[in-house]
Structures are given as structure tokens and as C-alpha cells.
């Protein structure tokens, strides 16, 4: 499962890097970045390959977490379920009212 998630992250980051590189080279982005999105696009086009390290780091962290057991592991699942139920309740309240 961890490898599938890391592979999906890698593919999405690679596609985003290629798309931003195409936008910068096609001239769709202004030369001095005028807006926040132009700044992010030029940064990702120039330094985007470093983002491909994120899936590898995440995969190493996930492997380390599988080997070690946190002292809060027994409490984490009920807390996570409670947070999920609270978020869903808020979403339902916002949609209904």
C-alpha cells in the first residue's frame, strides 16, 4: 500500500513539474512573475525536480513507522475516528443549514 501511494505521489509531482515547465516555455507565464501563481509556476519549473524527493522521503518514513510502535498507538485510532465523525457532522450541518 505504501509503495502504491508513493508511486501515485511521484506520478502527480512529475506531471505537475512537466506541466509547469511547458507553461513557462510556452510564454503563458509572465516573465517577471506578476501573481502568486506565476511565482509558484516558475519556481516549480526551475526547481521542481527536488519535489520528486518527497515520495521517497514519505516511503522511508512510512517504513520506519511500520517497524516502530508508538506509545499512543492504542489511543490514536479512536481519536482519529472521533475527528472524522466531527468533521463529517460539521459538513452535514453546513450542507443542511
N, C-alpha and C. Protein backbone atom coordinates (compact mmCIF):
# COMPACT_ATOMS: atom_id res chain seq x y z
N UNK A 1 0.82 -1.19 0.00
CA UNK A 1 0.00 0.00 0.00
C UNK A 1 0.87 1.26 0.00
N UNK A 2 1.93 1.23 0.81
CA UNK A 2 2.80 2.40 0.87
C UNK A 2 3.47 2.67 -0.47
N UNK A 3 3.85 1.62 -1.16
CA UNK A 3 4.51 1.79 -2.45
C UNK A 3 3.52 2.38 -3.46
N UNK A 4 2.26 1.96 -3.41
CA UNK A 4 1.26 2.49 -4.34
C UNK A 4 1.03 3.98 -4.10
N UNK A 5 0.98 4.38 -2.83
CA UNK A 5 0.78 5.79 -2.51
C UNK A 5 2.00 6.61 -2.95
N UNK A 6 3.19 6.10 -2.68
CA UNK A 6 4.40 6.82 -3.09
C UNK A 6 4.50 6.91 -4.61
N UNK A 7 4.11 5.86 -5.31
CA UNK A 7 4.13 5.89 -6.77
C UNK A 7 3.13 6.91 -7.31
N UNK A 8 1.93 6.97 -6.71
CA UNK A 8 0.94 7.96 -7.14
C UNK A 8 1.45 9.38 -6.88
N UNK A 9 2.08 9.60 -5.74
CA UNK A 9 2.67 10.91 -5.45
C UNK A 9 3.74 11.26 -6.47
N UNK A 10 4.59 10.32 -6.79
CA UNK A 10 5.66 10.56 -7.76
C UNK A 10 5.09 10.92 -9.12
N UNK A 11 4.07 10.20 -9.57
CA UNK A 11 3.47 10.46 -10.87
C UNK A 11 2.84 11.85 -10.90
N UNK A 12 2.08 12.22 -9.85
CA UNK A 12 1.44 13.53 -9.82
C UNK A 12 2.48 14.66 -9.78
N UNK A 13 3.53 14.49 -9.00
CA UNK A 13 4.57 15.52 -8.94
C UNK A 13 5.31 15.63 -10.27
N UNK A 14 5.56 14.52 -10.92
CA UNK A 14 6.24 14.56 -12.23
C UNK A 14 5.36 15.25 -13.26
N UNK A 15 4.06 14.96 -13.27
CA UNK A 15 3.16 15.62 -14.20
C UNK A 15 3.06 17.12 -13.93
N UNK A 16 3.02 17.50 -12.66
CA UNK A 16 2.95 18.93 -12.32
C UNK A 16 4.22 19.65 -12.74
N UNK A 17 5.36 19.01 -12.55
CA UNK A 17 6.63 19.62 -12.95
C UNK A 17 6.69 19.79 -14.47
N UNK A 18 6.27 18.76 -15.20
CA UNK A 18 6.28 18.86 -16.66
C UNK A 18 5.30 19.93 -17.15
N UNK A 19 4.11 19.99 -16.57
CA UNK A 19 3.11 20.97 -16.98
C UNK A 19 3.58 22.39 -16.71
N UNK A 20 4.19 22.62 -15.55
CA UNK A 20 4.67 23.97 -15.26
C UNK A 20 5.84 24.34 -16.15
N UNK A 21 6.67 23.37 -16.49
CA UNK A 21 7.79 23.63 -17.41
C UNK A 21 7.25 24.01 -18.79
N UNK A 22 6.20 23.33 -19.24
CA UNK A 22 5.58 23.65 -20.53
C UNK A 22 4.97 25.05 -20.50
N UNK A 23 4.30 25.41 -19.39
CA UNK A 23 3.71 26.74 -19.28
C UNK A 23 4.76 27.84 -19.34
N UNK A 24 5.86 27.63 -18.66
CA UNK A 24 6.92 28.64 -18.66
C UNK A 24 7.55 28.76 -20.04
N UNK A 25 7.82 27.64 -20.70
CA UNK A 25 8.46 27.67 -22.02
C UNK A 25 7.54 28.18 -23.12
N UNK A 26 6.22 28.01 -22.94
CA UNK A 26 5.30 28.47 -23.98
C UNK A 26 5.02 29.96 -23.89
N UNK A 27 5.42 30.58 -22.81
CA UNK A 27 5.20 32.02 -22.65
C UNK A 27 3.87 32.36 -22.01
N UNK A 28 3.16 31.37 -21.49
CA UNK A 28 1.88 31.62 -20.83
C UNK A 28 2.05 32.32 -19.49
N UNK A 29 3.23 32.20 -18.93
CA UNK A 29 3.52 32.83 -17.65
C UNK A 29 4.36 34.07 -17.92
N UNK A 30 4.01 35.17 -17.27
CA UNK A 30 4.74 36.41 -17.50
C UNK A 30 6.18 36.28 -17.02
N UNK A 31 7.07 36.99 -17.72
CA UNK A 31 8.50 36.85 -17.47
C UNK A 31 8.89 37.29 -16.06
N UNK A 32 8.61 38.52 -15.64
CA UNK A 32 8.74 38.75 -14.20
C UNK A 32 7.42 38.30 -13.56
N UNK A 33 7.44 37.31 -12.68
CA UNK A 33 6.19 36.77 -12.14
C UNK A 33 5.37 37.87 -11.47
N UNK A 34 4.18 38.11 -12.01
CA UNK A 34 3.33 39.19 -11.50
C UNK A 34 2.40 38.70 -10.40
N UNK A 35 1.93 37.48 -10.49
CA UNK A 35 0.99 36.97 -9.49
C UNK A 35 1.64 35.82 -8.72
N UNK A 36 0.93 35.40 -7.68
CA UNK A 36 1.42 34.31 -6.83
C UNK A 36 1.51 33.02 -7.63
N UNK A 37 0.52 32.75 -8.49
CA UNK A 37 0.54 31.51 -9.27
C UNK A 37 1.68 31.50 -10.28
N UNK A 38 1.99 32.68 -10.84
CA UNK A 38 3.14 32.74 -11.74
C UNK A 38 4.45 32.45 -11.01
N UNK A 39 4.55 32.97 -9.79
CA UNK A 39 5.75 32.73 -8.98
C UNK A 39 5.91 31.25 -8.67
N UNK A 40 4.81 30.60 -8.28
CA UNK A 40 4.86 29.17 -7.97
C UNK A 40 5.19 28.36 -9.22
N UNK A 41 4.60 28.74 -10.34
CA UNK A 41 4.85 28.01 -11.59
C UNK A 41 6.31 28.10 -12.00
N UNK A 42 6.89 29.29 -11.93
CA UNK A 42 8.29 29.42 -12.31
C UNK A 42 9.21 28.71 -11.33
N UNK A 43 8.85 28.73 -10.04
CA UNK A 43 9.66 28.01 -9.05
C UNK A 43 9.63 26.51 -9.32
N UNK A 44 8.44 25.96 -9.59
CA UNK A 44 8.33 24.53 -9.83
C UNK A 44 9.02 24.15 -11.15
N UNK A 45 8.92 25.03 -12.15
CA UNK A 45 9.58 24.73 -13.43
C UNK A 45 11.09 24.71 -13.27
N UNK A 46 11.63 25.59 -12.42
CA UNK A 46 13.08 25.67 -12.27
C UNK A 46 13.62 24.71 -11.21
N UNK A 47 12.91 24.52 -10.11
CA UNK A 47 13.39 23.71 -9.00
C UNK A 47 12.49 22.51 -8.72
N UNK A 48 11.65 22.12 -9.66
CA UNK A 48 10.65 21.09 -9.44
C UNK A 48 11.18 19.70 -9.23
N UNK A 49 12.38 19.43 -9.72
CA UNK A 49 12.92 18.07 -9.57
C UNK A 49 13.17 17.72 -8.11
N UNK A 50 13.39 18.74 -7.27
CA UNK A 50 13.58 18.47 -5.84
C UNK A 50 12.30 17.94 -5.20
N UNK A 51 11.13 18.27 -5.77
CA UNK A 51 9.88 17.77 -5.21
C UNK A 51 9.73 16.26 -5.39
N UNK A 52 10.48 15.69 -6.32
CA UNK A 52 10.40 14.25 -6.53
C UNK A 52 11.05 13.47 -5.39
N UNK A 53 11.74 14.15 -4.48
CA UNK A 53 12.31 13.51 -3.31
C UNK A 53 11.22 13.24 -2.26
N UNK A 54 10.11 14.00 -2.32
CA UNK A 54 9.05 13.88 -1.32
C UNK A 54 8.49 12.45 -1.25
N UNK A 55 8.13 11.79 -2.36
CA UNK A 55 7.63 10.41 -2.24
C UNK A 55 8.65 9.45 -1.64
N UNK A 56 9.93 9.63 -1.97
CA UNK A 56 10.95 8.75 -1.40
C UNK A 56 11.07 8.96 0.10
N UNK A 57 11.05 10.22 0.53
CA UNK A 57 11.12 10.51 1.96
C UNK A 57 9.88 9.97 2.68
N UNK A 58 8.72 10.12 2.03
CA UNK A 58 7.49 9.62 2.64
C UNK A 58 7.53 8.10 2.76
N UNK A 59 8.06 7.43 1.76
CA UNK A 59 8.15 5.96 1.78
C UNK A 59 9.09 5.49 2.88
N UNK A 60 10.22 6.18 3.06
CA UNK A 60 11.14 5.82 4.14
C UNK A 60 10.49 6.06 5.51
N UNK A 61 9.77 7.17 5.66
CA UNK A 61 9.10 7.46 6.92
C UNK A 61 8.01 6.43 7.22
N UNK A 62 7.25 6.03 6.19
CA UNK A 62 6.20 5.03 6.38
C UNK A 62 6.80 3.68 6.78
N UNK A 63 7.92 3.31 6.17
CA UNK A 63 8.59 2.06 6.53
C UNK A 63 9.09 2.09 7.96
N UNK A 64 9.62 3.24 8.39
CA UNK A 64 10.10 3.38 9.76
C UNK A 64 8.93 3.30 10.74
N UNK A 65 7.79 3.90 10.39
CA UNK A 65 6.62 3.86 11.28
C UNK A 65 6.04 2.45 11.40
N UNK A 66 6.17 1.63 10.35
CA UNK A 66 5.69 0.26 10.42
C UNK A 66 6.52 -0.57 11.40
N UNK A 67 7.81 -0.26 11.50
CA UNK A 67 8.69 -1.05 12.35
C UNK A 67 8.59 -0.65 13.82
N UNK A 68 8.35 0.62 14.08
CA UNK A 68 8.27 1.09 15.46
C UNK A 68 6.82 1.26 15.86
N UNK A 69 6.53 1.01 17.13
CA UNK A 69 5.16 1.17 17.62
C UNK A 69 5.14 2.33 18.61
N UNK A 70 4.29 3.28 18.31
CA UNK A 70 4.18 4.46 19.15
C UNK A 70 3.44 4.12 20.44
N UNK A 71 3.78 4.76 21.55
CA UNK A 71 3.03 4.52 22.79
C UNK A 71 1.60 5.03 22.71
N UNK A 72 1.32 5.92 21.76
CA UNK A 72 -0.03 6.44 21.59
C UNK A 72 -0.84 5.67 20.56
N UNK A 73 -0.31 4.54 20.07
CA UNK A 73 -0.98 3.79 19.01
C UNK A 73 -2.34 3.28 19.44
N UNK A 74 -2.52 2.91 20.70
CA UNK A 74 -3.81 2.40 21.16
C UNK A 74 -4.86 3.49 21.22
N UNK A 75 -4.44 4.73 21.39
CA UNK A 75 -5.37 5.85 21.53
C UNK A 75 -5.60 6.56 20.19
N UNK A 76 -4.68 6.40 19.25
CA UNK A 76 -4.72 7.16 18.00
C UNK A 76 -5.92 6.81 17.13
N UNK A 77 -6.28 5.55 17.06
CA UNK A 77 -7.40 5.16 16.19
C UNK A 77 -8.72 5.72 16.69
N UNK A 78 -9.07 5.62 17.98
CA UNK A 78 -10.33 6.24 18.42
C UNK A 78 -10.33 7.76 18.28
N UNK A 79 -9.19 8.40 18.49
CA UNK A 79 -9.13 9.85 18.32
C UNK A 79 -9.33 10.21 16.85
N UNK A 80 -8.70 9.48 15.95
CA UNK A 80 -8.89 9.72 14.52
C UNK A 80 -10.32 9.51 14.08
N UNK A 81 -10.96 8.45 14.60
CA UNK A 81 -12.37 8.21 14.27
C UNK A 81 -13.25 9.33 14.81
N UNK A 82 -12.96 9.82 16.00
CA UNK A 82 -13.74 10.93 16.56
C UNK A 82 -13.59 12.20 15.75
N UNK A 83 -12.37 12.48 15.31
CA UNK A 83 -12.14 13.67 14.48
C UNK A 83 -12.88 13.54 13.15
N UNK A 84 -12.84 12.34 12.54
CA UNK A 84 -13.54 12.12 11.27
C UNK A 84 -15.04 12.30 11.43
N UNK A 85 -15.60 11.77 12.52
CA UNK A 85 -17.03 11.93 12.76
C UNK A 85 -17.38 13.41 12.99
N UNK A 86 -16.54 14.13 13.72
CA UNK A 86 -16.80 15.55 13.96
C UNK A 86 -16.75 16.34 12.66
N UNK A 87 -15.79 16.05 11.80
CA UNK A 87 -15.68 16.76 10.52
C UNK A 87 -16.90 16.45 9.64
N UNK A 88 -17.29 15.19 9.59
CA UNK A 88 -18.48 14.83 8.80
C UNK A 88 -19.73 15.49 9.36
N UNK A 89 -19.85 15.59 10.69
CA UNK A 89 -21.01 16.26 11.28
C UNK A 89 -21.05 17.73 10.92
N UNK A 90 -19.90 18.38 10.93
CA UNK A 90 -19.85 19.80 10.55
C UNK A 90 -20.21 19.97 9.08
N UNK A 91 -19.73 19.07 8.21
CA UNK A 91 -20.06 19.16 6.79
C UNK A 91 -21.56 18.99 6.59
N UNK A 92 -22.16 18.02 7.27
CA UNK A 92 -23.59 17.80 7.16
C UNK A 92 -24.37 19.02 7.68
N UNK A 93 -23.94 19.58 8.79
CA UNK A 93 -24.62 20.77 9.32
C UNK A 93 -24.53 21.95 8.36
N UNK A 94 -23.38 22.12 7.73
CA UNK A 94 -23.22 23.24 6.79
C UNK A 94 -24.08 23.00 5.55
N UNK A 95 -24.15 21.77 5.07
CA UNK A 95 -24.94 21.49 3.88
C UNK A 95 -26.44 21.56 4.16
N UNK A 96 -26.86 21.15 5.35
CA UNK A 96 -28.29 21.13 5.66
C UNK A 96 -28.79 22.53 6.01
N UNK A 97 -28.02 23.26 6.77
CA UNK A 97 -28.47 24.59 7.20
C UNK A 97 -27.78 25.61 6.39
